[in-house]
Amino acid sequence: MTNPHLTFTAPDGTVRAVALVLHGGRAKSQAPVRRTNLTVVRMTPFATSLHRAGGDLGLAVARLRYVLRGWNGGAQSPVADVRWALNRIAERYPSVPVALVGHSMGGRAAIYSAAAPSVRTVVGLAPWIEPADPVDPIADRDVLVVHGDRDRITSPVNSAEWTKRARAIAESAAYVSVAGERHAMLHRATLWHSMTSAYVVATLLGVPPAETSSAAGANVIAKVLAGDASLVV
């Protein structure tokens, strides 16, 4: 079988951390992932925002394209691809902490892959979460789940409930509800990008949100880092 496709945008200096960006997909599909798939393209601005916020601070940004478009039941197809990517990152940047940033199915794949030793941060963007999905993989990780309250593709209720369960074992776990937003994260796109970048840079590199993000995103993440575990923005 063809390997997944992994690309890197590295900083000019020493790599101190890596953000691995994970796109969405479908519940069932054996079709191959193409670079032109909308789920892949949708993550480009997130990767760009992460590089802009963290590139000068030592953050490398990796983007993964899975082999197959579907989760495919018990096969959990993208999970093997994420683990493959984490191994490649560990080979290239040994002992460097990693953030998993996943949208929709990518958020679910991030949760299932988070037990890898290098993973310190997990960001789920409108993640596809089912009630039986585990919290064990995110033990001792920093976790941020962001979901639009008008999402009809994946469940904000499931995301909020999973985050509540995660707080028992995570280093931290916060849920942010984005008012008026749907699954594609387009209505308030800048807010999504800035929150994600601020959280990743703060949790991996210890840089305050105000130094890396726009005012709106920085303010939200500052509250999250101060201990506000449930916000509506």
C-alpha atoms as a PDB file:
ATOM      1  CA  MET A   1       0.000   0.000   0.000  1.00  0.00           C
ATOM      2  CA  THR A   2       1.165   3.527  -0.721  1.00  0.00           C
ATOM      3  CA  ASN A   3       2.528   5.449   2.249  1.00  0.00           C
ATOM      4  CA  PRO A   4       0.775   8.586   3.493  1.00  0.00           C
ATOM      5  CA  HIS A   5       2.139  11.912   2.290  1.00  0.00           C
ATOM      6  CA  LEU A   6       3.984  14.080   4.821  1.00  0.00           C
ATOM      7  CA  THR A   7       5.394  17.554   4.189  1.00  0.00           C
ATOM      8  CA  PHE A   8       7.251  19.971   6.460  1.00  0.00           C
ATOM      9  CA  THR A   9       7.554  23.740   6.731  1.00  0.00           C
ATOM     10  CA  ALA A  10      10.551  24.231   8.988  1.00  0.00           C
ATOM     11  CA  PRO A  11      11.758  27.377  10.741  1.00  0.00           C
ATOM     12  CA  ASP A  12      15.094  28.920   9.784  1.00  0.00           C
ATOM     13  CA  GLY A  13      16.698  28.005  13.103  1.00  0.00           C
ATOM     14  CA  THR A  14      16.516  25.094  15.516  1.00  0.00           C
ATOM     15  CA  VAL A  15      13.259  23.122  15.583  1.00  0.00           C
ATOM     16  CA  ARG A  16      11.895  23.202  19.129  1.00  0.00           C
ATOM     17  CA  ALA A  17       8.416  21.772  18.472  1.00  0.00           C
ATOM     18  CA  VAL A  18       6.245  20.396  15.670  1.00  0.00           C
ATOM     19  CA  ALA A  19       2.565  20.918  14.856  1.00  0.00           C
ATOM     20  CA  LEU A  20       1.116  18.046  12.819  1.00  0.00           C
ATOM     21  CA  VAL A  21      -1.967  19.162  10.870  1.00  0.00           C
ATOM     22  CA  LEU A  22      -4.610  16.499  10.167  1.00  0.00           C
ATOM     23  CA  HIS A  23      -7.449  16.908   7.675  1.00  0.00           C
ATOM     24  CA  GLY A  24     -10.941  15.491   7.721  1.00  0.00           C
ATOM     25  CA  GLY A  25     -12.498  12.712   5.685  1.00  0.00           C
ATOM     26  CA  ARG A  26     -15.517  10.425   5.536  1.00  0.00           C
ATOM     27  CA  ALA A  27     -17.024   7.743   7.728  1.00  0.00           C
ATOM     28  CA  LYS A  28     -16.493   5.125   5.003  1.00  0.00           C
ATOM     29  CA  SER A  29     -14.385   5.402   1.867  1.00  0.00           C
ATOM     30  CA  GLN A  30     -11.624   3.392   0.251  1.00  0.00           C
ATOM     31  CA  ALA A  31     -10.909   6.201  -2.199  1.00  0.00           C
ATOM     32  CA  PRO A  32      -7.397   7.641  -2.107  1.00  0.00           C
ATOM     33  CA  VAL A  33      -6.849  11.101  -0.669  1.00  0.00           C
ATOM     34  CA  ARG A  34      -5.932  13.759  -3.245  1.00  0.00           C
ATOM     35  CA  ARG A  35      -4.229  17.065  -2.488  1.00  0.00           C
ATOM     36  CA  THR A  36      -7.193  18.836  -4.111  1.00  0.00           C
ATOM     37  CA  ASN A  37      -9.789  17.291  -1.776  1.00  0.00           C
ATOM     38  CA  LEU A  38     -11.614  20.072   0.059  1.00  0.00           C
ATOM     39  CA  THR A  39     -10.887  18.469   3.414  1.00  0.00           C
ATOM     40  CA  VAL A  40      -7.169  18.765   2.664  1.00  0.00           C
ATOM     41  CA  VAL A  41      -7.355  22.282   1.260  1.00  0.00           C
ATOM     42  CA  ARG A  42      -9.365  23.459   4.272  1.00  0.00           C
ATOM     43  CA  MET A  43      -6.359  22.953   6.534  1.00  0.00           C
ATOM     44  CA  THR A  44      -3.991  25.134   4.492  1.00  0.00           C
ATOM     45  CA  PRO A  45      -4.822  28.379   6.367  1.00  0.00           C
ATOM     46  CA  PHE A  46      -4.324  26.610   9.690  1.00  0.00           C
ATOM     47  CA  ALA A  47      -0.873  25.453   8.624  1.00  0.00           C
ATOM     48  CA  THR A  48      -0.053  28.959   7.394  1.00  0.00           C
ATOM     49  CA  SER A  49      -1.248  30.544  10.641  1.00  0.00           C
ATOM     50  CA  LEU A  50       0.795  28.100  12.729  1.00  0.00           C
ATOM     51  CA  HIS A  51       3.927  28.875  10.722  1.00  0.00           C
ATOM     52  CA  ARG A  52       3.414  32.624  11.022  1.00  0.00           C
ATOM     53  CA  ALA A  53       2.810  32.425  14.759  1.00  0.00           C
ATOM     54  CA  GLY A  54       5.532  29.953  15.621  1.00  0.00           C
ATOM     55  CA  GLY A  55       8.087  29.831  12.824  1.00  0.00           C
ATOM     56  CA  ASP A  56      10.361  32.446  14.390  1.00  0.00           C
ATOM     57  CA  LEU A  57      10.091  30.614  17.712  1.00  0.00           C
ATOM     58  CA  GLY A  58      11.208  27.225  16.444  1.00  0.00           C
ATOM     59  CA  LEU A  59       7.881  25.640  15.438  1.00  0.00           C
ATOM     60  CA  ALA A  60       7.922  23.332  12.417  1.00  0.00           C
ATOM     61  CA  VAL A  61       4.586  22.616  10.743  1.00  0.00           C
ATOM     62  CA  ALA A  62       3.940  19.183   9.244  1.00  0.00           C
ATOM     63  CA  ARG A  63       0.966  18.317   7.044  1.00  0.00           C
ATOM     64  CA  LEU A  64      -0.257  14.765   6.568  1.00  0.00           C
ATOM     65  CA  ARG A  65      -2.387  13.344   3.762  1.00  0.00           C
ATOM     66  CA  TYR A  66      -3.838   9.971   4.621  1.00  0.00           C
ATOM     67  CA  VAL A  67      -3.817   7.034   2.248  1.00  0.00           C
ATOM     68  CA  LEU A  68      -7.610   6.606   2.307  1.00  0.00           C
ATOM     69  CA  ARG A  69     -10.419   9.126   2.727  1.00  0.00           C
ATOM     70  CA  GLY A  70     -12.448   7.036   5.177  1.00  0.00           C
ATOM     71  CA  TRP A  71     -12.294   6.092   8.857  1.00  0.00           C
ATOM     72  CA  ASN A  72     -13.733   2.729   7.837  1.00  0.00           C
ATOM     73  CA  GLY A  73     -15.100   1.375  11.090  1.00  0.00           C
ATOM     74  CA  GLY A  74     -12.784  -0.813  13.100  1.00  0.00           C
ATOM     75  CA  ALA A  75      -9.995  -0.280  10.577  1.00  0.00           C
ATOM     76  CA  GLN A  76      -9.605   3.300  11.868  1.00  0.00           C
ATOM     77  CA  SER A  77      -7.673   3.945   8.664  1.00  0.00           C
ATOM     78  CA  PRO A  78      -6.184   7.401   9.397  1.00  0.00           C
ATOM     79  CA  VAL A  79      -4.918   6.380  12.846  1.00  0.00           C
ATOM     80  CA  ALA A  80      -2.198   4.174  11.355  1.00  0.00           C
ATOM     81  CA  ASP A  81      -1.223   7.068   9.072  1.00  0.00           C
ATOM     82  CA  VAL A  82      -0.931   9.491  11.991  1.00  0.00           C
ATOM     83  CA  ARG A  83       1.221   7.042  13.922  1.00  0.00           C
ATOM     84  CA  TRP A  84       3.401   6.584  10.834  1.00  0.00           C
ATOM     85  CA  ALA A  85       3.799  10.372  10.618  1.00  0.00           C
ATOM     86  CA  LEU A  86       4.683  10.645  14.308  1.00  0.00           C
ATOM     87  CA  ASN A  87       7.429   8.067  13.795  1.00  0.00           C
ATOM     88  CA  ARG A  88       8.808  10.041  10.847  1.00  0.00           C
ATOM     89  CA  ILE A  89       8.739  13.241  12.916  1.00  0.00           C
ATOM     90  CA  ALA A  90      10.569  11.496  15.777  1.00  0.00           C
ATOM     91  CA  GLU A  91      13.246  10.298  13.357  1.00  0.00           C
ATOM     92  CA  ARG A  92      13.696  13.770  11.887  1.00  0.00           C
ATOM     93  CA  TYR A  93      13.402  15.749  15.137  1.00  0.00           C
ATOM     94  CA  PRO A  94      14.242  13.453  18.075  1.00  0.00           C
ATOM     95  CA  SER A  95      12.843  14.375  21.499  1.00  0.00           C
ATOM     96  CA  VAL A  96      10.841  17.321  20.114  1.00  0.00           C
ATOM     97  CA  PRO A  97       7.289  17.807  21.472  1.00  0.00           C
ATOM     98  CA  VAL A  98       4.389  17.552  19.020  1.00  0.00           C
ATOM     99  CA  ALA A  99       0.915  19.067  18.789  1.00  0.00           C
ATOM    100  CA  LEU A 100      -1.777  17.233  16.848  1.00  0.00           C
ATOM    101  CA  VAL A 101      -4.201  19.654  15.151  1.00  0.00           C
ATOM    102  CA  GLY A 102      -7.116  17.856  13.535  1.00  0.00           C
ATOM    103  CA  HIS A 103     -10.391  18.859  11.887  1.00  0.00           C
ATOM    104  CA  SER A 104     -13.432  16.565  11.875  1.00  0.00           C
ATOM    105  CA  MET A 105     -12.156  13.014  11.256  1.00  0.00           C
ATOM    106  CA  GLY A 106      -8.674  14.405  11.794  1.00  0.00           C
ATOM    107  CA  GLY A 107      -9.687  15.429  15.299  1.00  0.00           C
ATOM    108  CA  ARG A 108     -10.809  11.886  16.014  1.00  0.00           C
ATOM    109  CA  ALA A 109      -7.576  10.478  14.589  1.00  0.00           C
ATOM    110  CA  ALA A 110      -5.640  12.889  16.797  1.00  0.00           C
ATOM    111  CA  ILE A 111      -7.396  11.598  19.921  1.00  0.00           C
ATOM    112  CA  TYR A 112      -6.735   7.962  19.040  1.00  0.00           C
ATOM    113  CA  SER A 113      -3.058   8.722  18.302  1.00  0.00           C
ATOM    114  CA  ALA A 114      -2.321  11.005  21.249  1.00  0.00           C
ATOM    115  CA  ALA A 115      -0.654   8.376  23.437  1.00  0.00           C
ATOM    116  CA  ALA A 116       2.536   8.581  21.365  1.00  0.00           C
ATOM    117  CA  PRO A 117       5.368   9.733  23.654  1.00  0.00           C
ATOM    118  CA  SER A 118       6.121  12.861  21.610  1.00  0.00           C
ATOM    119  CA  VAL A 119       2.557  14.238  21.736  1.00  0.00           C
ATOM    120  CA  ARG A 120       2.038  16.972  24.309  1.00  0.00           C
ATOM    121  CA  THR A 121      -0.899  18.933  22.851  1.00  0.00           C
ATOM    122  CA  VAL A 122      -4.111  17.970  21.042  1.00  0.00           C
ATOM    123  CA  VAL A 123      -6.402  20.425  19.259  1.00  0.00           C
ATOM    124  CA  GLY A 124      -9.726  19.105  17.954  1.00  0.00           C
ATOM    125  CA  LEU A 125     -11.469  21.421  15.490  1.00  0.00           C
ATOM    126  CA  ALA A 126     -15.134  20.449  15.048  1.00  0.00           C
ATOM    127  CA  PRO A 127     -13.970  16.907  15.767  1.00  0.00           C
ATOM    128  CA  TRP A 128     -15.948  13.821  14.908  1.00  0.00           C
ATOM    129  CA  ILE A 129     -16.418  12.233  18.333  1.00  0.00           C
ATOM    130  CA  GLU A 130     -18.696   9.352  19.231  1.00  0.00           C
ATOM    131  CA  PRO A 131     -19.890   8.715  22.818  1.00  0.00           C
ATOM    132  CA  ALA A 132     -17.764   5.568  23.148  1.00  0.00           C
ATOM    133  CA  ASP A 133     -14.528   7.224  22.007  1.00  0.00           C
ATOM    134  CA  PRO A 134     -11.776   6.927  24.621  1.00  0.00           C
ATOM    135  CA  VAL A 135     -10.106   9.592  26.724  1.00  0.00           C
ATOM    136  CA  ASP A 136      -7.210   7.397  27.859  1.00  0.00           C
ATOM    137  CA  PRO A 137      -4.870   8.415  24.990  1.00  0.00           C
ATOM    138  CA  ILE A 138      -4.869  12.066  26.084  1.00  0.00           C
ATOM    139  CA  ALA A 139      -3.702  11.407  29.654  1.00  0.00           C
ATOM    140  CA  ASP A 140      -1.348  14.189  30.781  1.00  0.00           C
ATOM    141  CA  ARG A 141      -1.791  16.095  27.501  1.00  0.00           C
ATOM    142  CA  ASP A 142      -3.053  19.652  27.003  1.00  0.00           C
ATOM    143  CA  VAL A 143      -6.314  19.435  25.079  1.00  0.00           C
ATOM    144  CA  LEU A 144      -8.397  22.088  23.327  1.00  0.00           C
ATOM    145  CA  VAL A 145     -11.679  21.244  21.606  1.00  0.00           C
ATOM    146  CA  VAL A 146     -13.368  23.940  19.503  1.00  0.00           C
ATOM    147  CA  HIS A 147     -16.786  23.395  17.925  1.00  0.00           C
ATOM    148  CA  GLY A 148     -19.325  25.576  16.155  1.00  0.00           C
ATOM    149  CA  ASP A 149     -22.754  25.595  17.776  1.00  0.00           C
ATOM    150  CA  ARG A 150     -24.470  25.282  14.377  1.00  0.00           C
ATOM    151  CA  ASP A 151     -22.445  22.292  13.189  1.00  0.00           C
ATOM    152  CA  ARG A 152     -24.726  19.630  11.713  1.00  0.00           C
ATOM    153  CA  ILE A 153     -21.966  17.323  10.414  1.00  0.00           C
ATOM    154  CA  THR A 154     -20.283  16.469  13.705  1.00  0.00           C
ATOM    155  CA  SER A 155     -21.784  16.801  17.160  1.00  0.00           C
ATOM    156  CA  PRO A 156     -20.962  19.748  19.444  1.00  0.00           C
ATOM    157  CA  VAL A 157     -22.751  17.882  22.248  1.00  0.00           C
ATOM    158  CA  ASN A 158     -20.481  14.854  21.865  1.00  0.00           C
ATOM    159  CA  SER A 159     -17.429  17.117  21.802  1.00  0.00           C
ATOM    160  CA  ALA A 160     -18.450  18.925  24.974  1.00  0.00           C
ATOM    161  CA  GLU A 161     -19.231  15.703  26.822  1.00  0.00           C
ATOM    162  CA  TRP A 162     -15.970  14.070  25.736  1.00  0.00           C
ATOM    163  CA  THR A 163     -14.026  17.120  26.929  1.00  0.00           C
ATOM    164  CA  LYS A 164     -15.685  16.895  30.339  1.00  0.00           C
ATOM    165  CA  ARG A 165     -14.559  13.275  30.626  1.00  0.00           C
ATOM    166  CA  ALA A 166     -11.076  14.172  29.428  1.00  0.00           C
ATOM    167  CA  ARG A 167     -10.542  16.637  32.266  1.00  0.00           C
ATOM    168  CA  ALA A 168     -10.200  13.767  34.720  1.00  0.00           C
ATOM    169  CA  ILE A 169      -6.921  12.583  33.166  1.00  0.00           C
ATOM    170  CA  ALA A 170      -5.619  15.343  30.879  1.00  0.00           C
ATOM    171  CA  GLU A 171      -3.071  17.913  31.968  1.00  0.00           C
ATOM    172  CA  SER A 172      -5.754  20.388  30.905  1.00  0.00           C
ATOM    173  CA  ALA A 173      -8.868  20.136  28.750  1.00  0.00           C
ATOM    174  CA  ALA A 174     -10.960  23.062  27.549  1.00  0.00           C
ATOM    175  CA  TYR A 175     -14.010  23.353  25.322  1.00  0.00           C
ATOM    176  CA  VAL A 176     -14.735  26.462  23.246  1.00  0.00           C
ATOM    177  CA  SER A 177     -18.103  26.885  21.526  1.00  0.00           C
ATOM    178  CA  VAL A 178     -18.022  29.221  18.524  1.00  0.00           C
ATOM    179  CA  ALA A 179     -21.386  30.957  18.178  1.00  0.00           C
ATOM    180  CA  GLY A 180     -22.995  30.870  14.740  1.00  0.00           C
ATOM    181  CA  GLU A 181     -20.314  28.644  13.214  1.00  0.00           C
ATOM    182  CA  ARG A 182     -20.823  25.567  11.063  1.00  0.00           C
ATOM    183  CA  HIS A 183     -18.606  22.581  10.299  1.00  0.00           C
ATOM    184  CA  ALA A 184     -16.443  24.223   7.629  1.00  0.00           C
ATOM    185  CA  MET A 185     -15.140  26.872  10.084  1.00  0.00           C
ATOM    186  CA  LEU A 186     -15.489  29.626   7.475  1.00  0.00           C
ATOM    187  CA  HIS A 187     -17.831  32.148   9.081  1.00  0.00           C
ATOM    188  CA  ARG A 188     -15.281  33.239  11.707  1.00  0.00           C
ATOM    189  CA  ALA A 189     -12.214  31.725  10.104  1.00  0.00           C
ATOM    190  CA  THR A 190      -9.653  34.151  11.534  1.00  0.00           C
ATOM    191  CA  LEU A 191     -10.797  33.354  15.063  1.00  0.00           C
ATOM    192  CA  TRP A 192     -10.364  29.607  14.492  1.00  0.00           C
ATOM    193  CA  HIS A 193      -6.891  30.101  13.038  1.00  0.00           C
ATOM    194  CA  SER A 194      -5.688  32.457  15.743  1.00  0.00           C
ATOM    195  CA  MET A 195      -7.036  30.377  18.634  1.00  0.00           C
ATOM    196  CA  THR A 196      -5.352  27.265  17.270  1.00  0.00           C
ATOM    197  CA  SER A 197      -1.996  28.942  16.725  1.00  0.00           C
ATOM    198  CA  ALA A 198      -2.024  30.713  20.085  1.00  0.00           C
ATOM    199  CA  TYR A 199      -2.828  27.503  21.951  1.00  0.00           C
ATOM    200  CA  VAL A 200      -0.201  25.405  20.187  1.00  0.00           C
ATOM    201  CA  VAL A 201       2.568  27.972  20.642  1.00  0.00           C
ATOM    202  CA  ALA A 202       1.638  28.591  24.278  1.00  0.00           C
ATOM    203  CA  THR A 203       1.439  24.933  25.313  1.00  0.00           C
ATOM    204  CA  LEU A 204       4.460  23.696  23.343  1.00  0.00           C
ATOM    205  CA  LEU A 205       6.764  26.717  23.578  1.00  0.00           C
ATOM    206  CA  GLY A 206       5.499  28.650  26.578  1.00  0.00           C
ATOM    207  CA  VAL A 207       4.916  31.889  24.662  1.00  0.00           C
ATOM    208  CA  PRO A 208       1.951  34.017  25.859  1.00  0.00           C
ATOM    209  CA  PRO A 209      -0.982  34.200  23.401  1.00  0.00           C
ATOM    210  CA  ALA A 210      -0.792  37.980  23.090  1.00  0.00           C
ATOM    211  CA  GLU A 211       2.650  37.641  21.505  1.00  0.00           C
ATOM    212  CA  THR A 212       1.616  35.294  18.710  1.00  0.00           C
ATOM    213  CA  SER A 213      -2.056  35.792  17.850  1.00  0.00           C
ATOM    214  CA  SER A 214      -4.691  38.337  16.943  1.00  0.00           C
ATOM    215  CA  ALA A 215      -6.558  40.043  19.774  1.00  0.00           C
ATOM    216  CA  ALA A 216      -9.683  37.880  19.593  1.00  0.00           C
ATOM    217  CA  GLY A 217      -7.880  34.560  19.521  1.00  0.00           C
ATOM    218  CA  ALA A 218      -5.308  35.643  22.087  1.00  0.00           C
ATOM    219  CA  ASN A 219      -7.999  36.723  24.531  1.00  0.00           C
ATOM    220  CA  VAL A 220      -9.818  33.401  24.302  1.00  0.00           C
ATOM    221  CA  ILE A 221      -6.687  31.311  24.754  1.00  0.00           C
ATOM    222  CA  ALA A 222      -5.466  33.484  27.619  1.00  0.00           C
ATOM    223  CA  LYS A 223      -8.714  32.614  29.425  1.00  0.00           C
ATOM    224  CA  VAL A 224      -8.279  28.927  28.610  1.00  0.00           C
ATOM    225  CA  LEU A 225      -4.732  28.921  29.957  1.00  0.00           C
ATOM    226  CA  ALA A 226      -5.922  30.724  33.076  1.00  0.00           C
ATOM    227  CA  GLY A 227      -8.229  27.788  33.797  1.00  0.00           C
ATOM    228  CA  ASP A 228     -11.527  28.633  32.094  1.00  0.00           C
ATOM    229  CA  ALA A 229     -12.494  25.179  30.863  1.00  0.00           C
ATOM    230  CA  SER A 230     -15.708  26.081  29.031  1.00  0.00           C
ATOM    231  CA  LEU A 231     -16.199  29.181  26.900  1.00  0.00           C
ATOM    232  CA  VAL A 232     -18.637  30.552  24.346  1.00  0.00           C
ATOM    233  CA  VAL A 233     -17.160  33.034  21.870  1.00  0.00           C
END
